[in-house]
């Protein structure tokens, strides 16, 4: 019974070891096996071929993963192991225009005719009669005389006028008081606004002084030098291993063509024999081909990320920018 248990544990250990080995092998392959790419652009102005043709491809691990792009042809993706294709993205087919179906004519619905009883009701229906206007009241001469010449009515009018004058005065005083309160609030709001603006300007100035001190510190200088060195190494590794361009250039003005040649002569020590330019002084023309080849390795990015992440100056600088306790 014990030897069976040991055998099971042995099998489990072998399986786990194999899985761990496969995982480690995959990590090593991803990090150290580069992705190789090649791109070629050609341009012609004569013939039946399209003016610009682009062919690009990228492969990884002996072209097990193979990506190809052709323009103006379709874009397609192919994954293969050795000579066996295990996945292939089909070519994009042109979408066919859907046939529009003729719309069915809807039959117009006829309104139902009114019955005889409804017609009769509509004919006999009449608007309601207007109410009679009330008879106008005629004032007698005695009542008019009492209204105009009575001594008591005159005194009541005078008291009413005095009451109205008092109300007007109170309203004027109240409106003046409200106006004064509004003016005071207006200037008070202006004062508070100016005070807030001054406080914000002071806070911004303090932040500028704080971050200026960080940028002038030795920590920032060391961190910047490290990042600059890593980026320089990355760009040096990412630049194409091969660059070849053969161009025929001609402009409408021969003087402009000669000017381009002068620029090419200035840049010749840097581009060397990788770029060849042939002038055409007869007319406007741009033809030629450009070939670019290179490779990209993930380990380069991982190494730079590890060096930057575990650097003490970088960590200290991040805390200073976030205003955390160092």
Protein backbone atom coordinates (compact mmCIF):
# COMPACT_ATOMS: atom_id res chain seq x y z
CA UNK A 1 0.00 0.00 0.00
CA UNK A 2 2.87 2.34 0.81
CA UNK A 3 4.64 1.75 -2.48
CA UNK A 4 1.41 2.58 -4.39
CA UNK A 5 1.16 5.89 -2.54
CA UNK A 6 4.81 6.67 -3.28
CA UNK A 7 4.26 5.83 -6.96
CA UNK A 8 1.27 8.21 -7.12
CA UNK A 9 3.31 10.97 -5.47
CA UNK A 10 6.16 10.29 -7.91
CA UNK A 11 3.82 10.61 -10.91
CA UNK A 12 2.35 13.84 -9.51
CA UNK A 13 5.84 15.24 -8.97
CA UNK A 14 6.85 14.36 -12.53
CA UNK A 15 3.73 16.01 -13.95
CA UNK A 16 4.23 19.16 -11.86
CA UNK A 17 7.91 19.31 -12.80
CA UNK A 18 7.04 18.98 -16.49
CA UNK A 19 4.42 21.73 -16.22
CA UNK A 20 6.88 23.98 -14.39
CA UNK A 21 9.53 23.29 -17.03
CA UNK A 22 7.09 24.12 -19.84
CA UNK A 23 6.12 27.39 -18.11
CA UNK A 24 9.76 28.37 -17.60
CA UNK A 25 10.59 27.45 -21.19
CA UNK A 26 7.70 29.62 -22.43
CA UNK A 27 8.87 32.58 -20.31
CA UNK A 28 12.43 32.23 -21.59
CA UNK A 29 11.24 32.03 -25.19
CA UNK A 30 9.03 35.11 -24.83
CA UNK A 31 11.79 37.15 -23.20
CA UNK A 32 14.84 36.15 -25.24
CA UNK A 33 13.56 35.09 -28.68
CA UNK A 34 13.17 38.27 -30.73
CA UNK A 35 10.31 39.20 -33.03
CA UNK A 36 11.76 39.87 -36.48
CA UNK A 37 10.03 42.27 -38.85
CA UNK A 38 10.44 43.36 -42.45
CA UNK A 39 8.60 46.13 -44.30
CA UNK A 40 8.90 47.26 -47.90
CA UNK A 41 7.20 50.24 -49.55
CA UNK A 42 7.30 50.78 -53.31
CA UNK A 43 5.89 53.63 -55.39
CA UNK A 44 5.55 53.89 -59.16
CA UNK A 45 3.78 56.40 -61.38
CA UNK A 46 3.42 54.37 -64.54
CA UNK A 47 1.85 51.09 -65.57
CA UNK A 48 -1.32 49.34 -64.49
CA UNK A 49 -0.06 48.54 -60.97
CA UNK A 50 -1.24 50.68 -58.03
CA UNK A 51 0.94 53.71 -57.24
CA UNK A 52 1.83 52.52 -53.70
CA UNK A 53 2.46 48.91 -52.66
CA UNK A 54 3.21 47.91 -49.06
CA UNK A 55 4.42 44.49 -47.96
CA UNK A 56 5.12 43.86 -44.27
CA UNK A 57 5.61 40.72 -42.22
CA UNK A 58 6.64 39.76 -38.69
CA UNK A 59 7.69 36.36 -37.39
CA UNK A 60 8.54 34.84 -34.04
CA UNK A 61 10.32 31.61 -33.14
CA UNK A 62 11.29 30.37 -36.60
CA UNK A 63 8.09 31.86 -38.06
CA UNK A 64 5.83 29.69 -35.90
CA UNK A 65 3.78 32.86 -35.45
CA UNK A 66 3.68 34.65 -38.77
CA UNK A 67 1.88 37.90 -39.52
CA UNK A 68 1.73 39.36 -42.99
CA UNK A 69 0.21 42.59 -44.25
CA UNK A 70 -0.23 43.40 -47.92
CA UNK A 71 -1.58 46.68 -49.30
CA UNK A 72 -3.71 47.23 -51.33
CA UNK A 73 -4.48 43.52 -50.86
CA UNK A 74 -6.30 42.20 -47.80
CA UNK A 75 -4.75 41.78 -44.36
CA UNK A 76 -4.42 38.23 -43.09
CA UNK A 77 -2.90 36.43 -40.13
CA UNK A 78 -1.35 32.97 -40.14
CA UNK A 79 -0.07 30.87 -37.23
CA UNK A 80 1.84 27.75 -38.09
CA UNK A 81 4.09 25.14 -36.47
CA UNK A 82 6.90 24.12 -38.81
CA UNK A 83 5.04 23.64 -42.10
CA UNK A 84 1.55 23.05 -40.65
CA UNK A 85 -0.88 25.95 -40.49
CA UNK A 86 -3.01 25.73 -37.34
CA UNK A 87 -4.78 29.08 -37.66
CA UNK A 88 -5.44 31.41 -40.52
CA UNK A 89 -7.57 34.50 -40.56
CA UNK A 90 -9.74 34.43 -43.69
CA UNK A 91 -9.46 37.21 -46.17
CA UNK A 92 -11.96 39.98 -45.76
CA UNK A 93 -14.70 39.56 -48.27
CA UNK A 94 -16.50 42.49 -49.75
CA UNK A 95 -19.90 42.97 -48.23
CA UNK A 96 -22.71 42.52 -50.67
CA UNK A 97 -25.34 45.19 -50.80
CA UNK A 98 -28.59 43.91 -49.40
CA UNK A 99 -31.43 43.86 -51.81
CA UNK A 100 -34.10 46.26 -50.78
CA UNK A 101 -37.48 44.61 -50.63
CA UNK A 102 -40.36 46.51 -52.25
CA UNK A 103 -42.56 47.99 -49.62
CA UNK A 104 -46.06 46.65 -49.57
CA UNK A 105 -48.74 49.16 -50.32
CA UNK A 106 -51.05 49.52 -47.45
CA UNK A 107 -54.67 49.67 -48.32
CA UNK A 108 -56.24 52.91 -47.27
CA UNK A 109 -58.82 52.37 -44.54
CA UNK A 110 -62.16 53.93 -45.29
CA UNK A 111 -63.84 55.71 -42.47
CA UNK A 112 -67.18 54.21 -41.41
CA UNK A 113 -70.20 56.17 -42.49
CA UNK A 114 -72.44 57.71 -39.92
CA UNK A 115 -75.77 56.12 -39.25
CA UNK A 116 -79.06 57.90 -39.75
CA UNK A 117 -79.64 58.28 -36.02
CA UNK A 118 -76.23 59.94 -35.52
CA UNK A 119 -76.88 62.33 -38.41
CA UNK A 120 -80.17 63.27 -36.89
CA UNK A 121 -78.62 63.93 -33.50
CA UNK A 122 -75.90 66.12 -35.03
CA UNK A 123 -78.49 68.15 -36.97
CA UNK A 124 -80.79 68.65 -33.98
CA UNK A 125 -77.89 69.54 -31.63
CA UNK A 126 -77.82 73.32 -31.02
CA UNK A 127 -75.62 75.48 -28.88
CA UNK A 128 -76.92 76.51 -25.53
CA UNK A 129 -78.78 79.77 -25.36
CA UNK A 130 -76.85 82.72 -24.13
CA UNK A 131 -77.78 83.97 -20.66
CA UNK A 132 -79.80 87.07 -20.50
CA UNK A 133 -77.95 90.19 -19.56
CA UNK A 134 -79.00 91.73 -16.24
CA UNK A 135 -80.84 94.96 -16.42
CA UNK A 136 -78.80 97.99 -15.76
CA UNK A 137 -79.43 99.66 -12.45
CA UNK A 138 -80.44 103.28 -12.70
CA UNK A 139 -79.19 105.52 -10.06
CA UNK A 140 -81.61 108.05 -8.66
CA UNK A 141 -80.78 111.70 -8.29
CA UNK A 142 -80.96 111.45 -4.50
CA UNK A 143 -78.41 108.64 -4.34
CA UNK A 144 -76.05 110.55 -6.65
CA UNK A 145 -76.40 113.62 -4.53
CA UNK A 146 -75.63 111.63 -1.37
CA UNK A 147 -72.52 110.14 -2.96
CA UNK A 148 -71.10 113.49 -4.07
CA UNK A 149 -72.16 115.95 -1.36
CA UNK A 150 -72.14 113.97 1.88
CA UNK A 151 -69.70 115.41 4.49
CA UNK A 152 -68.95 111.96 6.01
CA UNK A 153 -67.78 110.53 2.67
CA UNK A 154 -65.27 113.35 2.21
CA UNK A 155 -63.69 112.67 5.59
CA UNK A 156 -63.39 108.96 4.78
CA UNK A 157 -61.59 109.78 1.53
CA UNK A 158 -59.16 112.02 3.33
CA UNK A 159 -58.33 109.33 5.86
CA UNK A 160 -57.90 106.80 3.03
CA UNK A 161 -55.47 109.14 1.26
CA UNK A 162 -53.48 109.62 4.46
CA UNK A 163 -53.29 105.84 4.95
CA UNK A 164 -52.12 105.37 1.37
CA UNK A 165 -49.40 108.00 1.84
CA UNK A 166 -48.17 106.21 4.98
CA UNK A 167 -48.00 102.89 3.18
CA UNK A 168 -46.04 104.47 0.33
CA UNK A 169 -43.54 105.97 2.78
CA UNK A 170 -43.06 102.64 4.53
CA UNK A 171 -42.57 100.88 1.19
CA UNK A 172 -39.95 103.44 0.12
CA UNK A 173 -38.06 103.02 3.41
CA UNK A 174 -38.19 99.22 3.10
CA UNK A 175 -36.99 99.30 -0.52
CA UNK A 176 -34.10 101.63 0.38
CA UNK A 177 -33.09 99.31 3.20
CA UNK A 178 -33.17 96.30 0.87
CA UNK A 179 -31.12 98.20 -1.70
CA UNK A 180 -28.49 99.06 0.93
CA UNK A 181 -28.31 95.41 2.06
CA UNK A 182 -27.87 94.24 -1.52
CA UNK A 183 -25.09 96.79 -2.14
CA UNK A 184 -23.29 95.67 1.04
CA UNK A 185 -23.61 92.01 0.04
CA UNK A 186 -22.36 92.78 -3.46
CA UNK A 187 -19.16 94.44 -2.20
CA UNK A 188 -18.77 91.71 0.43
CA UNK A 189 -18.92 89.02 -2.27
CA UNK A 190 -16.34 90.92 -4.30
CA UNK A 191 -14.04 91.02 -1.26
CA UNK A 192 -14.45 87.30 -0.59
CA UNK A 193 -13.83 86.50 -4.28
CA UNK A 194 -10.64 88.57 -4.35
CA UNK A 195 -9.51 86.93 -1.13
CA UNK A 196 -10.08 83.42 -2.57
CA UNK A 197 -8.21 84.36 -5.74
CA UNK A 198 -5.27 85.63 -3.69
CA UNK A 199 -5.27 82.43 -1.62
CA UNK A 200 -5.25 80.30 -4.77
CA UNK A 201 -2.40 82.34 -6.25
CA UNK A 202 -0.42 81.86 -3.03
CA UNK A 203 -1.09 78.10 -3.08
CA UNK A 204 -0.04 77.84 -6.75
CA UNK A 205 3.11 79.81 -6.05
CA UNK A 206 3.97 77.53 -3.12
CA UNK A 207 3.47 74.46 -5.35
CA UNK A 208 5.69 75.98 -8.03
CA UNK A 209 8.43 76.60 -5.49
CA UNK A 210 8.02 73.06 -4.09
CA UNK A 211 8.21 71.28 -7.45
CA UNK A 212 11.01 73.58 -8.64
CA UNK A 213 13.03 72.49 -5.62
CA UNK A 214 12.37 68.85 -6.51
CA UNK A 215 13.50 69.37 -10.11
CA UNK A 216 16.70 71.00 -8.90
CA UNK A 217 17.49 68.26 -6.37
CA UNK A 218 20.17 65.59 -6.77
CA UNK A 219 17.49 62.87 -6.54
CA UNK A 220 15.79 64.12 -9.67
CA UNK A 221 19.09 64.48 -11.53
CA UNK A 222 20.09 60.88 -10.78
CA UNK A 223 16.63 59.57 -11.67
CA UNK A 224 16.58 61.53 -14.93
CA UNK A 225 20.02 60.23 -15.88
CA UNK A 226 18.91 56.65 -15.24
CA UNK A 227 15.71 56.98 -17.33
CA UNK A 228 17.62 58.74 -20.11
CA UNK A 229 20.20 55.94 -20.25
CA UNK A 230 17.54 53.22 -20.35
CA UNK A 231 15.56 54.99 -23.09
CA UNK A 232 18.72 55.48 -25.11
CA UNK A 233 19.45 51.76 -24.91
CA UNK A 234 15.89 50.88 -25.90
CA UNK A 235 15.94 53.18 -28.94
CA UNK A 236 19.37 51.93 -29.92
CA UNK A 237 18.06 48.37 -29.84
CA UNK A 238 14.78 49.19 -31.62
CA UNK A 239 16.36 50.97 -34.57
CA UNK A 240 16.27 48.95 -37.79
CA UNK A 241 19.16 46.63 -38.45
CA UNK A 242 18.84 47.38 -42.16
CA UNK A 243 17.54 50.47 -43.91
CA UNK A 244 17.77 50.81 -47.66
CA UNK A 245 16.05 53.49 -49.73
CA UNK A 246 16.39 54.08 -53.49
CA UNK A 247 14.42 57.14 -54.57
CA UNK A 248 13.92 59.19 -57.72
CA UNK A 249 12.83 62.72 -56.83
CA UNK A 250 11.83 65.54 -59.15
CA UNK A 251 9.92 68.76 -58.49
CA UNK A 252 8.30 71.35 -60.72
CA UNK A 253 11.13 73.77 -60.08
CA UNK A 254 14.67 72.46 -60.82
CA UNK A 255 16.01 74.81 -58.13
CA UNK A 256 13.87 73.03 -55.51
CA UNK A 257 15.22 69.67 -56.69
CA UNK A 258 18.75 70.96 -56.34
CA UNK A 259 17.93 72.17 -52.84
CA UNK A 260 16.81 68.66 -51.84
CA UNK A 261 20.10 67.31 -53.16
CA UNK A 262 21.98 69.82 -51.02
CA UNK A 263 20.12 68.60 -47.92
CA UNK A 264 20.93 65.01 -48.90
CA UNK A 265 24.60 65.95 -49.13
CA UNK A 266 24.49 67.39 -45.60
CA UNK A 267 22.90 64.21 -44.21
CA UNK A 268 25.08 61.82 -46.19
CA UNK A 269 27.61 61.23 -43.34
CA UNK A 270 24.72 59.98 -41.18
CA UNK A 271 22.74 57.94 -43.73
CA UNK A 272 25.78 56.70 -45.67
CA UNK A 273 25.02 54.31 -48.47
CA UNK A 274 21.64 53.37 -46.99
CA UNK A 275 19.78 56.12 -48.88
CA UNK A 276 20.32 56.80 -52.58
CA UNK A 277 18.59 59.75 -54.26
CA UNK A 278 18.54 60.25 -58.03
CA UNK A 279 17.35 63.70 -59.16
CA UNK A 280 14.96 64.28 -62.05
CA UNK A 281 15.10 67.84 -63.37
CA UNK A 282 12.62 67.28 -66.21
CA UNK A 283 9.41 67.25 -64.19
CA UNK A 284 7.55 66.31 -61.03
CA UNK A 285 8.28 62.72 -60.04
CA UNK A 286 8.50 60.56 -56.91
CA UNK A 287 9.34 56.88 -57.29
CA UNK A 288 11.42 54.29 -55.54
CA UNK A 289 11.43 51.73 -52.74
CA UNK A 290 12.19 51.67 -49.02
CA UNK A 291 13.21 48.49 -47.16
CA UNK A 292 13.30 48.22 -43.36
CA UNK A 293 14.39 45.16 -41.35
CA UNK A 294 14.89 44.69 -37.62
CA UNK A 295 14.02 42.77 -34.47
CA UNK A 296 12.48 43.43 -31.08
CA UNK A 297 13.27 41.51 -27.88
CA UNK A 298 11.02 41.70 -24.79
CA UNK A 299 13.95 41.25 -22.39
CA UNK A 300 15.19 44.75 -23.23
CA UNK A 301 11.94 46.32 -21.98
CA UNK A 302 11.81 44.04 -18.93
CA UNK A 303 15.38 44.91 -17.91
CA UNK A 304 14.68 48.65 -18.16
CA UNK A 305 11.42 48.30 -16.20
CA UNK A 306 13.14 46.33 -13.40
CA UNK A 307 15.99 48.83 -13.09
CA UNK A 308 13.62 51.78 -12.95
CA UNK A 309 11.11 50.13 -10.58
CA UNK A 310 13.63 49.02 -7.95
CA UNK A 311 15.71 52.21 -8.01
CA UNK A 312 15.65 54.04 -4.66
CA UNK A 313 15.89 57.50 -6.21
CA UNK A 314 12.84 56.80 -8.42
CA UNK A 315 10.79 55.64 -5.42
CA UNK A 316 11.83 58.70 -3.40
CA UNK A 317 11.03 60.99 -6.32
CA UNK A 318 7.53 59.51 -6.72
CA UNK A 319 6.82 60.09 -3.02
CA UNK A 320 8.05 63.67 -3.29
CA UNK A 321 5.78 64.35 -6.28
CA UNK A 322 2.82 62.78 -4.44
CA UNK A 323 3.71 64.82 -1.30
CA UNK A 324 3.94 61.70 0.83
CA UNK A 325 6.13 61.23 3.88
CA UNK A 326 9.63 60.24 2.78
